[in-house]
Amino acid sequence: MPVAALAPARPWRRALRRWIGAGAVAVTSVAVAGCGDTTGVSRQLVGQYSTQVFELDYGTFTEDVLAEGGYIDIDLRSNGSTTGTLFVPSTSAGEGDFLADLNGAWSRSGNVVRFSHSDDTFLNDVDFFVDGDALVADEIIGNVRVRVVLTRF
């Protein structure tokens, strides 16, 4: 039985999926200060990142999206651009698969990395903190804690 089938009713997930997949409402401009800065520490972040943790914590139940087949793969390029894919598999509640294009931009301010993509995903709205070769996000969206760890390989 899939993990999602064991999950309690989660109306928030439908809202999160709408938020994750609101579509390309508008192409976000790449006018983020410093996104093209490839000197110093920003250059150290350049590379390909893959999901190590992708969890949704409902308080009484934690859903492991990675174990269900979901992933985030993203390439941070030295010119401040990104390419990659976000995939969230369908759920037992009948919601279909979600696939997003992560072509866009990245920027760093201090220890925080931000993403800006043409597809409107939650990744545009969360801060990732640099932790060695990993980018770590841990944020509350609605009533759900979203934890993502991306590791450079």
N, C-alpha and C. Protein backbone atom coordinates (compact mmCIF):
# COMPACT_ATOMS: atom_id res chain seq x y z
N MET A 1 0.86 -1.18 0.00
CA MET A 1 0.00 0.00 0.00
C MET A 1 0.90 1.23 0.00
N PRO A 2 0.65 2.20 -0.90
CA PRO A 2 1.49 3.39 -0.93
C PRO A 2 1.37 4.18 0.36
N VAL A 3 2.45 4.86 0.72
CA VAL A 3 2.47 5.67 1.94
C VAL A 3 1.33 6.67 1.91
N ALA A 4 1.06 7.26 0.75
CA ALA A 4 0.01 8.27 0.66
C ALA A 4 -1.36 7.69 1.06
N ALA A 5 -1.58 6.39 0.83
CA ALA A 5 -2.85 5.78 1.17
C ALA A 5 -3.04 5.71 2.68
N LEU A 6 -1.95 5.72 3.44
CA LEU A 6 -2.03 5.65 4.89
C LEU A 6 -2.19 7.02 5.52
N ALA A 7 -2.02 8.07 4.73
CA ALA A 7 -2.05 9.43 5.26
C ALA A 7 -3.47 9.81 5.66
N PRO A 8 -3.58 10.63 6.70
CA PRO A 8 -4.90 11.12 7.08
C PRO A 8 -5.40 12.10 6.01
N ALA A 9 -6.68 12.42 6.06
CA ALA A 9 -7.22 13.40 5.12
C ALA A 9 -6.38 14.66 5.21
N ARG A 10 -5.95 15.15 4.06
CA ARG A 10 -5.03 16.29 4.06
C ARG A 10 -5.53 17.36 3.09
N PRO A 11 -6.54 18.10 3.45
CA PRO A 11 -7.02 19.12 2.52
C PRO A 11 -5.94 20.15 2.21
N TRP A 12 -4.99 20.34 3.11
CA TRP A 12 -3.93 21.31 2.87
C TRP A 12 -3.07 20.89 1.69
N ARG A 13 -2.92 19.55 1.47
CA ARG A 13 -2.06 19.10 0.37
C ARG A 13 -2.61 19.57 -0.97
N ARG A 14 -3.93 19.53 -1.08
CA ARG A 14 -4.55 20.03 -2.32
C ARG A 14 -4.20 21.50 -2.49
N ALA A 15 -4.26 22.26 -1.40
CA ALA A 15 -3.90 23.68 -1.47
C ALA A 15 -2.42 23.85 -1.81
N LEU A 16 -1.56 23.00 -1.22
CA LEU A 16 -0.13 23.08 -1.52
C LEU A 16 0.11 22.74 -2.98
N ARG A 17 -0.57 21.73 -3.49
CA ARG A 17 -0.42 21.36 -4.91
C ARG A 17 -0.85 22.52 -5.80
N ARG A 18 -1.95 23.20 -5.41
CA ARG A 18 -2.36 24.35 -6.21
C ARG A 18 -1.28 25.41 -6.13
N TRP A 19 -0.67 25.56 -4.95
CA TRP A 19 0.38 26.55 -4.78
C TRP A 19 1.63 26.12 -5.54
N ILE A 20 2.00 24.84 -5.45
CA ILE A 20 3.15 24.34 -6.17
C ILE A 20 2.92 24.47 -7.66
N GLY A 21 1.71 24.13 -8.10
CA GLY A 21 1.46 24.07 -9.53
C GLY A 21 0.51 25.13 -10.03
N ALA A 22 0.57 26.30 -9.52
CA ALA A 22 -0.32 27.36 -9.96
C ALA A 22 -0.10 27.71 -11.42
N GLY A 23 0.94 27.12 -11.99
CA GLY A 23 1.23 27.38 -13.40
C GLY A 23 2.10 28.60 -13.57
N ALA A 24 2.44 28.86 -14.77
CA ALA A 24 3.29 30.02 -15.05
C ALA A 24 2.42 31.26 -15.11
N VAL A 25 2.01 31.73 -13.94
CA VAL A 25 1.17 32.91 -13.86
C VAL A 25 1.89 34.09 -14.50
N ALA A 26 3.15 34.21 -14.19
CA ALA A 26 3.97 35.25 -14.81
C ALA A 26 5.40 34.79 -14.77
N VAL A 27 6.12 35.10 -15.80
CA VAL A 27 7.53 34.75 -15.80
C VAL A 27 8.23 35.74 -14.89
N THR A 28 8.88 35.20 -13.87
CA THR A 28 9.55 36.05 -12.90
C THR A 28 10.81 36.61 -13.52
N SER A 29 10.99 37.89 -13.35
CA SER A 29 12.17 38.51 -13.94
C SER A 29 13.42 38.08 -13.20
N VAL A 30 14.51 38.12 -13.89
CA VAL A 30 15.78 37.69 -13.33
C VAL A 30 16.53 38.90 -12.78
N ALA A 31 15.80 39.85 -12.29
CA ALA A 31 16.42 41.07 -11.78
C ALA A 31 16.71 40.94 -10.29
N VAL A 32 17.27 39.83 -9.90
CA VAL A 32 17.62 39.61 -8.51
C VAL A 32 19.05 40.05 -8.32
N ALA A 33 19.26 40.93 -7.36
CA ALA A 33 20.60 41.48 -7.16
C ALA A 33 21.60 40.38 -6.88
N GLY A 34 22.68 40.38 -7.61
CA GLY A 34 23.77 39.46 -7.38
C GLY A 34 23.59 38.08 -7.96
N CYS A 35 22.54 37.84 -8.76
CA CYS A 35 22.34 36.48 -9.24
C CYS A 35 23.44 36.06 -10.20
N GLY A 36 24.13 37.00 -10.83
CA GLY A 36 25.21 36.65 -11.73
C GLY A 36 26.56 36.65 -11.06
N ASP A 37 26.62 36.87 -9.76
CA ASP A 37 27.88 36.94 -9.05
C ASP A 37 28.48 35.55 -8.92
N THR A 38 29.61 35.35 -9.57
CA THR A 38 30.24 34.03 -9.51
C THR A 38 31.57 34.11 -8.77
N THR A 39 31.76 35.14 -7.98
CA THR A 39 33.00 35.27 -7.23
C THR A 39 32.82 34.70 -5.83
N GLY A 40 33.93 34.39 -5.20
CA GLY A 40 33.90 33.98 -3.80
C GLY A 40 33.02 32.79 -3.52
N VAL A 41 32.23 32.92 -2.45
CA VAL A 41 31.43 31.81 -1.98
C VAL A 41 30.33 31.39 -2.93
N SER A 42 29.78 32.29 -3.71
CA SER A 42 28.72 31.91 -4.65
C SER A 42 29.23 30.89 -5.65
N ARG A 43 30.48 31.05 -6.10
CA ARG A 43 31.04 30.10 -7.06
C ARG A 43 31.09 28.70 -6.45
N GLN A 44 31.30 28.62 -5.14
CA GLN A 44 31.36 27.32 -4.49
C GLN A 44 30.04 26.57 -4.55
N LEU A 45 28.94 27.27 -4.80
CA LEU A 45 27.62 26.64 -4.84
C LEU A 45 27.27 26.09 -6.22
N VAL A 46 28.02 26.49 -7.24
CA VAL A 46 27.73 26.06 -8.60
C VAL A 46 27.83 24.54 -8.69
N GLY A 47 26.84 23.92 -9.34
CA GLY A 47 26.87 22.47 -9.52
C GLY A 47 25.48 21.88 -9.58
N GLN A 48 25.42 20.57 -9.68
CA GLN A 48 24.16 19.83 -9.75
C GLN A 48 23.76 19.36 -8.36
N TYR A 49 22.49 19.54 -8.04
CA TYR A 49 21.95 19.16 -6.74
C TYR A 49 20.81 18.16 -6.93
N SER A 50 20.74 17.21 -6.01
CA SER A 50 19.69 16.20 -6.03
C SER A 50 19.07 16.09 -4.64
N THR A 51 17.84 15.64 -4.60
CA THR A 51 17.08 15.56 -3.35
C THR A 51 17.62 14.47 -2.43
N GLN A 52 17.86 14.85 -1.19
CA GLN A 52 18.19 13.89 -0.15
C GLN A 52 17.03 13.74 0.83
N VAL A 53 16.28 14.84 1.02
CA VAL A 53 15.11 14.83 1.90
C VAL A 53 14.02 15.67 1.23
N PHE A 54 12.80 15.14 1.19
CA PHE A 54 11.64 15.88 0.69
C PHE A 54 10.45 15.38 1.51
N GLU A 55 10.16 16.07 2.61
CA GLU A 55 9.15 15.62 3.57
C GLU A 55 8.09 16.68 3.80
N LEU A 56 6.88 16.20 4.02
CA LEU A 56 5.76 17.03 4.39
C LEU A 56 5.28 16.55 5.75
N ASP A 57 5.39 17.40 6.76
CA ASP A 57 5.04 17.03 8.13
C ASP A 57 3.71 17.68 8.49
N TYR A 58 2.69 16.83 8.69
CA TYR A 58 1.35 17.30 8.99
C TYR A 58 1.11 17.44 10.50
N GLY A 59 2.11 17.19 11.29
CA GLY A 59 1.96 17.24 12.74
C GLY A 59 1.68 15.87 13.33
N THR A 60 0.78 15.10 12.72
CA THR A 60 0.47 13.75 13.20
C THR A 60 1.01 12.69 12.25
N PHE A 61 1.47 13.11 11.09
CA PHE A 61 1.95 12.18 10.09
C PHE A 61 2.97 12.90 9.22
N THR A 62 4.06 12.23 8.90
CA THR A 62 5.06 12.79 8.00
C THR A 62 5.06 11.99 6.71
N GLU A 63 4.88 12.68 5.60
CA GLU A 63 4.88 12.05 4.29
C GLU A 63 6.27 12.22 3.67
N ASP A 64 6.87 11.13 3.27
CA ASP A 64 8.19 11.16 2.63
C ASP A 64 7.98 11.16 1.12
N VAL A 65 7.97 12.35 0.53
CA VAL A 65 7.71 12.49 -0.90
C VAL A 65 8.80 11.81 -1.71
N LEU A 66 10.03 11.84 -1.23
CA LEU A 66 11.15 11.19 -1.91
C LEU A 66 10.91 9.68 -1.99
N ALA A 67 10.48 9.07 -0.89
CA ALA A 67 10.21 7.63 -0.88
C ALA A 67 9.04 7.27 -1.80
N GLU A 68 8.14 8.21 -2.03
CA GLU A 68 7.00 7.98 -2.91
C GLU A 68 7.36 8.20 -4.38
N GLY A 69 8.60 8.60 -4.64
CA GLY A 69 9.04 8.79 -6.02
C GLY A 69 9.20 10.23 -6.44
N GLY A 70 8.98 11.16 -5.53
CA GLY A 70 9.15 12.58 -5.84
C GLY A 70 10.62 12.97 -5.80
N TYR A 71 10.94 14.06 -6.45
CA TYR A 71 12.33 14.53 -6.43
C TYR A 71 12.42 15.98 -6.88
N ILE A 72 13.56 16.57 -6.57
CA ILE A 72 13.95 17.88 -7.07
C ILE A 72 15.38 17.73 -7.54
N ASP A 73 15.61 17.94 -8.82
CA ASP A 73 16.96 17.94 -9.38
C ASP A 73 17.18 19.30 -9.99
N ILE A 74 18.26 19.97 -9.59
CA ILE A 74 18.50 21.32 -10.08
C ILE A 74 19.99 21.56 -10.28
N ASP A 75 20.31 22.27 -11.34
CA ASP A 75 21.68 22.62 -11.68
C ASP A 75 21.84 24.12 -11.50
N LEU A 76 22.72 24.53 -10.59
CA LEU A 76 23.03 25.94 -10.38
C LEU A 76 24.25 26.29 -11.22
N ARG A 77 24.06 27.17 -12.18
CA ARG A 77 25.14 27.52 -13.10
C ARG A 77 25.86 28.79 -12.65
N SER A 78 27.09 28.95 -13.12
CA SER A 78 27.93 30.07 -12.69
C SER A 78 27.39 31.43 -13.14
N ASN A 79 26.54 31.46 -14.16
CA ASN A 79 25.98 32.73 -14.62
C ASN A 79 24.70 33.11 -13.88
N GLY A 80 24.35 32.36 -12.83
CA GLY A 80 23.15 32.66 -12.04
C GLY A 80 21.90 31.99 -12.56
N SER A 81 22.00 31.17 -13.60
CA SER A 81 20.82 30.49 -14.14
C SER A 81 20.69 29.09 -13.54
N THR A 82 19.49 28.53 -13.69
CA THR A 82 19.22 27.17 -13.22
C THR A 82 18.51 26.38 -14.30
N THR A 83 18.67 25.07 -14.25
CA THR A 83 17.87 24.13 -15.02
C THR A 83 17.53 22.99 -14.08
N GLY A 84 16.44 22.32 -14.34
CA GLY A 84 16.10 21.18 -13.50
C GLY A 84 14.63 20.85 -13.53
N THR A 85 14.25 19.94 -12.63
CA THR A 85 12.89 19.42 -12.59
C THR A 85 12.45 19.18 -11.15
N LEU A 86 11.19 19.50 -10.87
CA LEU A 86 10.52 19.15 -9.62
C LEU A 86 9.42 18.18 -9.98
N PHE A 87 9.37 17.03 -9.30
CA PHE A 87 8.33 16.04 -9.56
C PHE A 87 7.69 15.62 -8.24
N VAL A 88 6.36 15.69 -8.18
CA VAL A 88 5.58 15.19 -7.05
C VAL A 88 4.60 14.17 -7.62
N PRO A 89 4.69 12.90 -7.17
CA PRO A 89 3.82 11.85 -7.73
C PRO A 89 2.37 12.03 -7.31
N SER A 90 1.49 11.37 -8.06
CA SER A 90 0.06 11.43 -7.75
C SER A 90 -0.21 10.85 -6.37
N THR A 91 -1.35 11.20 -5.82
CA THR A 91 -1.72 10.72 -4.49
C THR A 91 -2.91 9.78 -4.59
N SER A 92 -3.17 9.08 -3.52
CA SER A 92 -4.32 8.17 -3.49
C SER A 92 -5.63 8.95 -3.53
N ALA A 93 -5.57 10.25 -3.26
CA ALA A 93 -6.79 11.07 -3.29
C ALA A 93 -7.19 11.42 -4.72
N GLY A 94 -6.45 10.89 -5.70
CA GLY A 94 -6.83 11.10 -7.09
C GLY A 94 -6.17 12.30 -7.74
N GLU A 95 -5.30 12.97 -7.03
CA GLU A 95 -4.59 14.10 -7.63
C GLU A 95 -3.51 13.55 -8.55
N GLY A 96 -3.35 14.15 -9.72
CA GLY A 96 -2.38 13.66 -10.69
C GLY A 96 -0.96 14.06 -10.35
N ASP A 97 -0.03 13.48 -11.10
CA ASP A 97 1.38 13.83 -10.95
C ASP A 97 1.58 15.31 -11.23
N PHE A 98 2.59 15.89 -10.58
CA PHE A 98 2.95 17.28 -10.84
C PHE A 98 4.41 17.32 -11.28
N LEU A 99 4.67 17.95 -12.41
CA LEU A 99 6.02 18.08 -12.95
C LEU A 99 6.25 19.54 -13.28
N ALA A 100 7.33 20.12 -12.75
CA ALA A 100 7.62 21.53 -12.99
C ALA A 100 9.03 21.68 -13.56
N ASP A 101 9.16 22.62 -14.46
CA ASP A 101 10.43 22.99 -15.08
C ASP A 101 11.10 24.02 -14.17
N LEU A 102 12.33 23.77 -13.77
CA LEU A 102 13.03 24.68 -12.87
C LEU A 102 14.04 25.56 -13.61
N ASN A 103 13.81 25.80 -14.89
CA ASN A 103 14.66 26.74 -15.61
C ASN A 103 14.38 28.14 -15.06
N GLY A 104 15.43 28.84 -14.69
CA GLY A 104 15.25 30.17 -14.10
C GLY A 104 16.57 30.71 -13.60
N ALA A 105 16.54 31.22 -12.37
CA ALA A 105 17.72 31.87 -11.80
C ALA A 105 17.87 31.52 -10.33
N TRP A 106 19.09 31.73 -9.82
CA TRP A 106 19.36 31.57 -8.40
C TRP A 106 20.20 32.75 -7.94
N SER A 107 20.09 33.06 -6.66
CA SER A 107 20.89 34.12 -6.08
C SER A 107 21.26 33.73 -4.66
N ARG A 108 22.30 34.38 -4.17
CA ARG A 108 22.74 34.12 -2.80
C ARG A 108 22.93 35.45 -2.09
N SER A 109 22.43 35.50 -0.88
CA SER A 109 22.63 36.65 -0.02
C SER A 109 23.04 36.11 1.34
N GLY A 110 24.30 36.28 1.69
CA GLY A 110 24.79 35.70 2.94
C GLY A 110 24.76 34.19 2.85
N ASN A 111 24.05 33.58 3.76
CA ASN A 111 23.95 32.12 3.82
C ASN A 111 22.65 31.60 3.20
N VAL A 112 21.90 32.48 2.51
CA VAL A 112 20.59 32.13 1.98
C VAL A 112 20.62 32.10 0.46
N VAL A 113 20.08 31.01 -0.11
CA VAL A 113 19.94 30.87 -1.56
C VAL A 113 18.46 30.94 -1.89
N ARG A 114 18.14 31.73 -2.93
CA ARG A 114 16.76 31.87 -3.40
C ARG A 114 16.69 31.45 -4.86
N PHE A 115 15.53 30.88 -5.24
CA PHE A 115 15.30 30.47 -6.62
C PHE A 115 14.19 31.30 -7.24
N SER A 116 14.27 31.48 -8.54
CA SER A 116 13.25 32.17 -9.31
C SER A 116 13.09 31.39 -10.61
N HIS A 117 11.90 30.80 -10.81
CA HIS A 117 11.65 29.94 -11.98
C HIS A 117 10.42 30.40 -12.72
N SER A 118 10.36 30.05 -14.00
CA SER A 118 9.19 30.42 -14.79
C SER A 118 7.95 29.64 -14.34
N ASP A 119 8.09 28.37 -13.95
CA ASP A 119 6.96 27.63 -13.38
C ASP A 119 6.81 28.08 -11.93
N ASP A 120 5.59 28.34 -11.52
CA ASP A 120 5.33 28.84 -10.17
C ASP A 120 5.29 27.66 -9.20
N THR A 121 6.36 27.49 -8.41
CA THR A 121 6.44 26.41 -7.43
C THR A 121 6.76 26.97 -6.06
N PHE A 122 6.61 26.15 -5.04
CA PHE A 122 6.94 26.59 -3.69
C PHE A 122 8.42 26.93 -3.57
N LEU A 123 9.26 26.41 -4.46
CA LEU A 123 10.69 26.69 -4.40
C LEU A 123 10.98 28.17 -4.59
N ASN A 124 10.10 28.89 -5.28
CA ASN A 124 10.26 30.33 -5.45
C ASN A 124 10.02 31.10 -4.15
N ASP A 125 9.40 30.47 -3.17
CA ASP A 125 8.95 31.16 -1.98
C ASP A 125 9.64 30.75 -0.69
N VAL A 126 10.58 29.81 -0.76
CA VAL A 126 11.26 29.37 0.45
C VAL A 126 12.74 29.74 0.39
N ASP A 127 13.32 29.93 1.56
CA ASP A 127 14.75 30.20 1.67
C ASP A 127 15.49 28.88 1.86
N PHE A 128 16.57 28.70 1.13
CA PHE A 128 17.45 27.56 1.31
C PHE A 128 18.71 28.07 2.00
N PHE A 129 19.12 27.39 3.05
CA PHE A 129 20.30 27.77 3.79
C PHE A 129 21.47 26.87 3.40
N VAL A 130 22.61 27.46 3.18
CA VAL A 130 23.81 26.73 2.79
C VAL A 130 24.33 25.97 4.00
N ASP A 131 24.55 24.67 3.83
CA ASP A 131 25.09 23.81 4.88
C ASP A 131 26.11 22.88 4.23
N GLY A 132 27.35 23.33 4.09
CA GLY A 132 28.37 22.55 3.40
C GLY A 132 28.02 22.41 1.94
N ASP A 133 27.88 21.15 1.46
CA ASP A 133 27.49 20.88 0.08
C ASP A 133 25.98 20.70 -0.06
N ALA A 134 25.24 21.15 0.92
CA ALA A 134 23.78 20.99 0.89
C ALA A 134 23.07 22.33 0.96
N LEU A 135 21.88 22.36 0.39
CA LEU A 135 20.96 23.49 0.51
C LEU A 135 19.76 22.95 1.29
N VAL A 136 19.42 23.61 2.41
CA VAL A 136 18.40 23.10 3.32
C VAL A 136 17.27 24.11 3.47
N ALA A 137 16.04 23.66 3.23
CA ALA A 137 14.84 24.48 3.44
C ALA A 137 13.96 23.78 4.47
N ASP A 138 13.43 24.54 5.40
CA ASP A 138 12.55 24.01 6.44
C ASP A 138 11.55 25.12 6.76
N GLU A 139 10.39 25.06 6.12
CA GLU A 139 9.42 26.15 6.22
C GLU A 139 8.02 25.60 6.45
N ILE A 140 7.16 26.44 7.01
CA ILE A 140 5.76 26.10 7.20
C ILE A 140 4.97 26.72 6.05
N ILE A 141 4.20 25.89 5.35
CA ILE A 141 3.33 26.35 4.28
C ILE A 141 1.93 25.93 4.67
N GLY A 142 1.08 26.91 4.92
CA GLY A 142 -0.24 26.58 5.47
C GLY A 142 -0.05 25.99 6.85
N ASN A 143 -0.53 24.77 7.04
CA ASN A 143 -0.35 24.08 8.32
C ASN A 143 0.65 22.94 8.22
N VAL A 144 1.46 22.95 7.17
CA VAL A 144 2.37 21.83 6.92
C VAL A 144 3.81 22.31 6.90
N ARG A 145 4.65 21.56 7.57
CA ARG A 145 6.08 21.84 7.56
C ARG A 145 6.70 21.11 6.37
N VAL A 146 7.37 21.86 5.51
CA VAL A 146 8.02 21.31 4.33
C VAL A 146 9.52 21.32 4.57
N ARG A 147 10.14 20.13 4.47
CA ARG A 147 11.58 20.02 4.65
C ARG A 147 12.20 19.46 3.37
N VAL A 148 13.18 20.20 2.86
CA VAL A 148 13.87 19.78 1.65
C VAL A 148 15.37 19.94 1.86
N VAL A 149 16.12 18.90 1.53
CA VAL A 149 17.58 18.98 1.54
C VAL A 149 18.05 18.58 0.15
N LEU A 150 18.78 19.49 -0.49
CA LEU A 150 19.37 19.24 -1.80
C LEU A 150 20.88 19.14 -1.60
N THR A 151 21.48 18.08 -2.12
CA THR A 151 22.92 17.86 -1.95
C THR A 151 23.61 17.90 -3.30
N ARG A 152 24.73 18.63 -3.33
CA ARG A 152 25.50 18.72 -4.57
C ARG A 152 26.24 17.41 -4.81
N PHE A 153 26.25 16.98 -6.06
CA PHE A 153 26.97 15.75 -6.39
C PHE A 153 27.93 15.99 -7.53
